[in-house]
């Protein structure tokens, strides 16, 4: 694996036999067409009598697990890694994708508010089906657990610490989180004729987890109704799509949720100030030009590579809230920006382009 810079963008170059390079290229493009989180396949370079080179665009503001855990091997970060990996595997399985090599090493992580979002990097062993069987999902989960535990054992030996916890127990936690989320998305549910509100409650919970369901099956039974959600109609990115529609901003799911909350607060403030009724779209437009863009522009240019804009704005909102709570009075945005820049952002490492030395080679 090598990384190169071209016209301000970074690309990963990976040597593969012709057959596998084209297979991985097709699979990555197929995942992208379905809106699944994966690195972008750009092209293939064919070399006579040598292996082909698969070219993918470097995923900006993404971090490898080794770097994250080496910096801060704490329980909350472990939990976020586990949840992100389980969430990624659920999303892939919903789309009929059997990974066959799910591991922390084949995944990159982006900050997503106070959580993490996981992206597929390597899909050499993957298979795309119309729908996975329970056996295929179980096999993928077993491989995930095996790889997850093995990588944590290796990392503990490398760092010379057992602070990460029991790798086998942590691998089991990944499976439990996967199964919990899979059941929430796909489990059948029965309710009486007087409990039809449970349908809306189920859909609300799915929306809160960032999933949309285009259609459900509601069958009449002797005692009421049976609700069935078919996996292939479940789509992730509920809040991301809504934010993109309102503002044109592309963010991670939890970042989008946080920004939508701020837009709603901004709209309420306009209406309390006596502004005539403002539509959500109009409020989002004003928020973008009056709040978000000026705030991001106020960050010194040399510090903007430390956080993606949506992540930076969310962290700034949290910082402003903490300052206000300490003082017992509302702190203005300008003061909050100055404090965040000097007391938080300036001391953070740059994360826009992080190249893993163990993958980059000499």
Protein backbone atom coordinates (compact mmCIF):
# COMPACT_ATOMS: atom_id res chain seq x y z
CA UNK A 1 0.00 0.00 0.00
CA UNK A 2 1.31 3.45 -0.95
CA UNK A 3 -0.23 6.92 -0.63
CA UNK A 4 0.27 9.76 -3.09
CA UNK A 5 -0.89 13.36 -3.35
CA UNK A 6 -2.24 14.72 -6.63
CA UNK A 7 -3.82 18.14 -7.15
CA UNK A 8 -4.50 18.57 -3.44
CA UNK A 9 -6.12 15.16 -2.96
CA UNK A 10 -4.62 11.98 -1.52
CA UNK A 11 -4.98 8.53 -3.05
CA UNK A 12 -4.18 5.01 -1.86
CA UNK A 13 -2.42 2.68 -4.31
CA UNK A 14 -2.77 -1.04 -3.67
CA UNK A 15 -1.04 -3.78 -5.67
CA UNK A 16 -3.27 -6.74 -6.53
CA UNK A 17 -3.44 -9.50 -9.11
CA UNK A 18 -5.54 -8.44 -12.12
CA UNK A 19 -8.56 -10.57 -11.14
CA UNK A 20 -8.72 -9.32 -7.54
CA UNK A 21 -8.09 -5.68 -8.44
CA UNK A 22 -11.06 -5.66 -10.82
CA UNK A 23 -13.23 -7.58 -8.35
CA UNK A 24 -12.53 -5.14 -5.52
CA UNK A 25 -13.06 -2.16 -7.83
CA UNK A 26 -16.50 -3.47 -8.91
CA UNK A 27 -17.55 -4.24 -5.33
CA UNK A 28 -16.48 -0.83 -3.99
CA UNK A 29 -18.36 0.90 -6.81
CA UNK A 30 -21.44 -1.25 -6.12
CA UNK A 31 -21.36 -0.34 -2.42
CA UNK A 32 -21.04 3.34 -3.34
CA UNK A 33 -24.07 3.14 -5.63
CA UNK A 34 -26.10 1.86 -2.69
CA UNK A 35 -24.91 4.69 -0.48
CA UNK A 36 -22.95 2.40 1.83
CA UNK A 37 -19.92 3.70 3.75
CA UNK A 38 -16.87 2.62 1.77
CA UNK A 39 -13.78 4.24 0.32
CA UNK A 40 -14.18 5.58 -3.22
CA UNK A 41 -12.68 3.43 -5.97
CA UNK A 42 -11.17 5.76 -8.59
CA UNK A 43 -9.60 3.42 -11.10
CA UNK A 44 -7.17 0.60 -11.90
CA UNK A 45 -3.70 0.88 -13.38
CA UNK A 46 -2.72 -2.12 -15.51
CA UNK A 47 1.00 -2.92 -15.72
CA UNK A 48 2.40 -5.47 -18.17
CA UNK A 49 3.95 -8.47 -16.37
CA UNK A 50 3.24 -6.84 -13.00
CA UNK A 51 0.29 -6.76 -10.63
CA UNK A 52 -2.42 -4.17 -11.22
CA UNK A 53 -2.79 -1.17 -8.94
CA UNK A 54 -6.18 -0.35 -7.45
CA UNK A 55 -6.57 3.39 -6.85
CA UNK A 56 -8.91 4.63 -4.13
CA UNK A 57 -9.43 8.16 -2.84
CA UNK A 58 -8.18 8.70 0.68
CA UNK A 59 -11.07 9.16 3.11
CA UNK A 60 -10.50 12.58 4.66
CA UNK A 61 -10.72 12.95 8.44
CA UNK A 62 -10.62 9.16 8.87
CA UNK A 63 -8.52 7.38 11.46
CA UNK A 64 -7.16 3.83 11.78
CA UNK A 65 -8.09 1.98 14.95
CA UNK A 66 -4.46 1.48 16.02
CA UNK A 67 -3.79 5.19 16.11
CA UNK A 68 -7.00 5.93 18.00
CA UNK A 69 -6.44 3.29 20.68
CA UNK A 70 -2.74 4.06 20.98
CA UNK A 71 -3.59 7.70 21.66
CA UNK A 72 -6.38 7.08 24.14
CA UNK A 73 -7.06 3.44 25.08
CA UNK A 74 -10.09 4.11 27.25
CA UNK A 75 -13.38 2.32 27.73
CA UNK A 76 -15.61 4.89 26.02
CA UNK A 77 -13.46 4.79 22.86
CA UNK A 78 -13.53 0.98 22.84
CA UNK A 79 -17.30 1.07 23.09
CA UNK A 80 -17.56 3.54 20.22
CA UNK A 81 -15.33 1.35 18.05
CA UNK A 82 -17.43 -1.70 18.86
CA UNK A 83 -20.70 0.09 18.10
CA UNK A 84 -19.37 1.56 14.84
CA UNK A 85 -18.14 -1.83 13.60
CA UNK A 86 -21.42 -3.53 14.53
CA UNK A 87 -23.42 -0.78 12.85
CA UNK A 88 -21.32 -1.05 9.68
CA UNK A 89 -21.79 -4.81 9.50
CA UNK A 90 -25.55 -4.48 9.98
CA UNK A 91 -25.74 -1.94 7.15
CA UNK A 92 -23.73 -4.16 4.82
CA UNK A 93 -25.81 -7.22 5.65
CA UNK A 94 -29.05 -5.33 5.09
CA UNK A 95 -27.78 -4.58 1.59
CA UNK A 96 -26.92 -8.23 0.96
CA UNK A 97 -23.14 -7.79 1.24
CA UNK A 98 -21.11 -10.63 2.75
CA UNK A 99 -17.75 -9.15 3.76
CA UNK A 100 -15.80 -12.28 4.63
CA UNK A 101 -12.94 -10.26 6.12
CA UNK A 102 -14.49 -7.77 8.51
CA UNK A 103 -11.78 -6.49 10.81
CA UNK A 104 -10.57 -3.31 12.44
CA UNK A 105 -7.63 -3.24 10.01
CA UNK A 106 -9.98 -3.25 7.01
CA UNK A 107 -12.02 -0.39 8.43
CA UNK A 108 -11.49 3.34 8.82
CA UNK A 109 -13.28 5.46 11.41
CA UNK A 110 -14.54 9.02 11.24
CA UNK A 111 -15.63 11.11 14.19
CA UNK A 112 -19.41 11.41 14.28
CA UNK A 113 -20.33 13.85 17.06
CA UNK A 114 -19.65 11.80 20.21
CA UNK A 115 -19.74 8.52 18.31
CA UNK A 116 -17.74 7.03 15.43
CA UNK A 117 -18.73 6.09 11.89
CA UNK A 118 -17.03 3.11 10.23
CA UNK A 119 -16.10 2.77 6.54
CA UNK A 120 -15.11 -0.29 4.50
CA UNK A 121 -11.59 -0.20 3.10
CA UNK A 122 -10.81 -3.73 1.86
CA UNK A 123 -13.41 -5.96 0.14
CA UNK A 124 -11.27 -8.55 -1.69
CA UNK A 125 -13.24 -11.40 -0.13
CA UNK A 126 -16.67 -9.77 -0.36
CA UNK A 127 -19.76 -11.06 -2.13
CA UNK A 128 -22.87 -9.09 -3.08
CA UNK A 129 -26.17 -10.96 -2.95
CA UNK A 130 -29.80 -9.95 -3.25
CA UNK A 131 -30.24 -10.96 0.39
CA UNK A 132 -28.06 -12.81 2.91
CA UNK A 133 -29.12 -15.99 4.65
CA UNK A 134 -28.91 -16.29 8.42
CA UNK A 135 -26.01 -18.71 7.90
CA UNK A 136 -24.05 -16.18 5.86
CA UNK A 137 -24.62 -13.47 8.44
CA UNK A 138 -23.58 -15.79 11.27
CA UNK A 139 -20.41 -16.80 9.43
CA UNK A 140 -19.49 -13.16 8.84
CA UNK A 141 -20.09 -12.43 12.52
CA UNK A 142 -17.85 -15.32 13.61
CA UNK A 143 -15.06 -14.06 11.37
CA UNK A 144 -15.54 -10.56 12.75
CA UNK A 145 -15.22 -11.75 16.33
CA UNK A 146 -12.11 -13.78 15.52
CA UNK A 147 -10.39 -10.90 13.72
CA UNK A 148 -11.45 -8.29 16.31
CA UNK A 149 -10.03 -10.30 19.22
CA UNK A 150 -6.83 -11.13 17.36
CA UNK A 151 -6.15 -7.53 16.44
CA UNK A 152 -6.67 -6.36 20.01
CA UNK A 153 -4.27 -9.04 21.30
CA UNK A 154 -1.68 -7.83 18.76
CA UNK A 155 -2.21 -4.19 19.72
CA UNK A 156 -1.90 -4.93 23.45
CA UNK A 157 1.38 -6.71 22.81
CA UNK A 158 2.58 -3.80 20.67
CA UNK A 159 1.63 -1.20 23.30
CA UNK A 160 2.82 -3.34 26.20
CA UNK A 161 -0.42 -2.89 28.11
CA UNK A 162 -3.57 -4.80 29.01
CA UNK A 163 -5.52 -1.59 29.45
CA UNK A 164 -7.67 -2.38 26.40
CA UNK A 165 -9.45 -5.18 28.30
CA UNK A 166 -10.20 -8.80 27.45
CA UNK A 167 -10.20 -9.09 23.62
CA UNK A 168 -12.54 -12.10 23.61
CA UNK A 169 -15.08 -10.32 25.82
CA UNK A 170 -14.88 -7.18 23.66
CA UNK A 171 -15.39 -9.27 20.50
CA UNK A 172 -18.51 -10.77 22.11
CA UNK A 173 -19.75 -7.23 22.77
CA UNK A 174 -19.52 -6.46 19.05
CA UNK A 175 -21.73 -9.45 18.28
CA UNK A 176 -24.24 -8.52 20.98
CA UNK A 177 -24.53 -4.96 19.64
CA UNK A 178 -24.94 -6.30 16.10
CA UNK A 179 -27.70 -8.69 17.15
CA UNK A 180 -29.48 -6.01 19.18
CA UNK A 181 -29.51 -3.60 16.24
CA UNK A 182 -30.44 -6.31 13.72
CA UNK A 183 -33.41 -7.36 15.86
CA UNK A 184 -34.55 -3.76 16.27
CA UNK A 185 -34.50 -3.34 12.49
CA UNK A 186 -35.95 -6.65 11.35
CA UNK A 187 -37.78 -8.45 14.18
CA UNK A 188 -41.47 -9.25 13.77
CA UNK A 189 -43.77 -7.61 16.29
CA UNK A 190 -47.35 -8.50 17.22
CA UNK A 191 -49.84 -6.09 18.75
CA UNK A 192 -53.57 -5.84 19.29
CA UNK A 193 -55.98 -3.76 17.23
CA UNK A 194 -55.95 -1.13 19.98
CA UNK A 195 -52.15 -0.70 19.85
CA UNK A 196 -51.64 0.52 16.31
CA UNK A 197 -49.60 3.41 17.67
CA UNK A 198 -46.82 0.86 18.20
CA UNK A 199 -46.21 0.93 14.46
CA UNK A 200 -45.38 4.64 14.62
CA UNK A 201 -43.28 4.08 17.75
CA UNK A 202 -41.25 1.38 15.98
CA UNK A 203 -40.62 3.63 12.99
CA UNK A 204 -39.71 6.52 15.32
CA UNK A 205 -37.11 4.34 17.08
CA UNK A 206 -35.63 3.35 13.74
CA UNK A 207 -35.43 7.01 12.70
CA UNK A 208 -33.67 7.80 15.97
CA UNK A 209 -31.08 5.15 15.11
CA UNK A 210 -30.66 6.81 11.72
CA UNK A 211 -32.65 4.35 9.60
CA UNK A 212 -35.57 4.85 7.25
CA UNK A 213 -38.08 2.17 6.25
CA UNK A 214 -39.81 2.71 2.93
CA UNK A 215 -42.41 0.01 3.47
CA UNK A 216 -43.56 -2.48 6.10
CA UNK A 217 -45.81 -5.51 6.03
CA UNK A 218 -48.77 -5.37 8.39
CA UNK A 219 -50.69 -8.67 8.49
CA UNK A 220 -54.00 -9.17 10.29
CA UNK A 221 -54.02 -11.99 12.85
CA UNK A 222 -56.71 -13.45 15.15
CA UNK A 223 -55.49 -11.25 18.01
CA UNK A 224 -54.51 -8.10 16.12
CA UNK A 225 -51.63 -7.40 13.75
CA UNK A 226 -48.17 -8.68 12.92
CA UNK A 227 -45.58 -6.09 11.87
CA UNK A 228 -42.78 -7.27 9.61
CA UNK A 229 -39.90 -5.14 8.31
CA UNK A 230 -38.06 -6.59 5.35
CA UNK A 231 -34.28 -6.02 5.59
CA UNK A 232 -33.76 -4.85 2.01
CA UNK A 233 -36.11 -1.86 2.41
CA UNK A 234 -34.27 -0.50 5.48
CA UNK A 235 -32.02 2.42 4.58
CA UNK A 236 -29.50 4.17 6.82
CA UNK A 237 -28.81 7.91 6.84
CA UNK A 238 -32.16 9.40 7.94
CA UNK A 239 -30.68 12.58 9.45
CA UNK A 240 -27.88 12.88 6.88
CA UNK A 241 -30.36 12.99 4.02
CA UNK A 242 -32.56 15.51 5.80
CA UNK A 243 -29.64 17.84 6.53
CA UNK A 244 -28.34 17.51 2.97
CA UNK A 245 -31.80 18.35 1.62
CA UNK A 246 -32.15 21.43 3.83
CA UNK A 247 -28.62 22.87 3.68
CA UNK A 248 -26.49 20.99 1.15
CA UNK A 249 -24.13 19.97 3.98
CA UNK A 250 -22.81 16.40 3.92
CA UNK A 251 -22.22 15.14 7.45
CA UNK A 252 -22.12 11.90 9.41
CA UNK A 253 -25.39 10.69 10.89
CA UNK A 254 -24.92 11.89 14.48
CA UNK A 255 -23.32 15.12 13.32
CA UNK A 256 -26.37 15.72 11.14
CA UNK A 257 -28.69 15.05 14.07
CA UNK A 258 -26.80 17.62 16.16
CA UNK A 259 -26.89 20.25 13.41
CA UNK A 260 -30.60 19.69 12.80
CA UNK A 261 -31.21 20.30 16.51
CA UNK A 262 -29.34 23.59 16.25
CA UNK A 263 -31.37 24.58 13.18
CA UNK A 264 -34.58 23.87 15.13
CA UNK A 265 -33.35 26.02 18.03
CA UNK A 266 -32.41 28.78 15.59
CA UNK A 267 -35.90 28.65 14.05
CA UNK A 268 -37.53 28.88 17.48
CA UNK A 269 -35.35 31.88 18.35
CA UNK A 270 -36.42 33.66 15.15
CA UNK A 271 -40.07 33.08 15.94
CA UNK A 272 -39.68 34.22 19.58
CA UNK A 273 -38.03 37.39 18.27
CA UNK A 274 -41.20 38.20 16.36
CA UNK A 275 -40.22 36.98 12.92
CA UNK A 276 -43.26 35.93 10.96
CA UNK A 277 -43.69 32.17 10.58
CA UNK A 278 -40.48 30.73 9.14
CA UNK A 279 -40.51 27.44 7.23
CA UNK A 280 -37.92 24.84 8.12
CA UNK A 281 -36.21 25.28 4.74
CA UNK A 282 -36.04 29.07 5.15
CA UNK A 283 -34.72 28.77 8.71
CA UNK A 284 -32.09 26.26 7.56
CA UNK A 285 -30.96 28.66 4.84
CA UNK A 286 -30.59 31.54 7.28
CA UNK A 287 -28.84 29.31 9.81
CA UNK A 288 -26.35 28.22 7.14
CA UNK A 289 -25.45 31.79 6.13
CA UNK A 290 -25.80 33.51 9.51
CA UNK A 291 -24.45 30.84 11.88
CA UNK A 292 -22.67 27.83 10.40
CA UNK A 293 -20.58 29.38 7.63
CA UNK A 294 -19.37 32.41 9.66
CA UNK A 295 -18.45 30.12 12.56
CA UNK A 296 -16.38 27.76 10.41
CA UNK A 297 -14.79 30.73 8.62
CA UNK A 298 -13.71 32.13 12.01
CA UNK A 299 -11.44 29.11 12.58
CA UNK A 300 -7.83 29.94 11.63
CA UNK A 301 -7.01 28.29 8.27
CA UNK A 302 -4.02 26.38 9.68
CA UNK A 303 -6.32 24.61 12.21
CA UNK A 304 -9.13 23.53 9.87
CA UNK A 305 -7.50 20.19 9.12
CA UNK A 306 -7.97 19.05 12.70
CA UNK A 307 -11.71 18.42 12.42
CA UNK A 308 -14.27 18.11 9.63
CA UNK A 309 -16.53 21.22 9.54
CA UNK A 310 -19.65 19.47 10.88
CA UNK A 311 -17.67 17.81 13.68
CA UNK A 312 -15.96 21.07 14.53
CA UNK A 313 -19.27 22.94 14.74
CA UNK A 314 -20.78 20.29 17.01
CA UNK A 315 -17.78 20.34 19.33
CA UNK A 316 -17.99 24.12 19.41
CA UNK A 317 -21.65 23.95 20.44
CA UNK A 318 -20.72 21.59 23.28
CA UNK A 319 -17.85 23.88 24.32
CA UNK A 320 -20.15 26.90 24.34
CA UNK A 321 -22.69 25.02 26.45
CA UNK A 322 -20.00 24.01 28.96
CA UNK A 323 -18.74 27.58 29.22
CA UNK A 324 -22.27 28.87 29.73
CA UNK A 325 -22.97 26.33 32.47
CA UNK A 326 -19.78 27.25 34.32
CA UNK A 327 -20.59 30.97 34.21
CA UNK A 328 -24.30 30.65 34.78
CA UNK A 329 -25.00 32.89 31.80
CA UNK A 330 -25.16 32.52 28.01
CA UNK A 331 -21.75 32.84 26.34
CA UNK A 332 -21.72 34.43 22.88
CA UNK A 333 -20.61 32.57 19.78
CA UNK A 334 -17.59 34.81 19.21
CA UNK A 335 -16.20 34.24 22.68
CA UNK A 336 -16.94 30.52 22.46
CA UNK A 337 -15.05 30.26 19.16
CA UNK A 338 -12.00 32.03 20.61
CA UNK A 339 -12.01 29.80 23.69
CA UNK A 340 -12.50 26.61 21.67
CA UNK A 341 -9.66 27.50 19.28
CA UNK A 342 -7.14 28.35 21.99
CA UNK A 343 -8.08 25.83 24.69
CA UNK A 344 -9.17 22.82 22.63
CA UNK A 345 -8.55 22.86 18.90
CA UNK A 346 -4.99 24.20 18.85
CA UNK A 347 -3.74 21.28 20.93
CA UNK A 348 -5.33 18.56 18.79
CA UNK A 349 -3.46 16.62 16.09
CA UNK A 350 -4.27 17.19 12.43
CA UNK A 351 -6.72 14.53 11.18
CA UNK A 352 -7.58 15.58 7.63
CA UNK A 353 -5.02 13.20 6.13
CA UNK A 354 -3.69 10.44 8.40
CA UNK A 355 -1.50 7.86 6.66
CA UNK A 356 -0.84 4.65 8.55
CA UNK A 357 2.93 4.00 8.58
CA UNK A 358 2.41 0.22 8.87
CA UNK A 359 0.32 0.27 5.70
CA UNK A 360 2.23 2.92 3.76
CA UNK A 361 5.47 0.96 3.47
CA UNK A 362 8.97 2.44 3.02
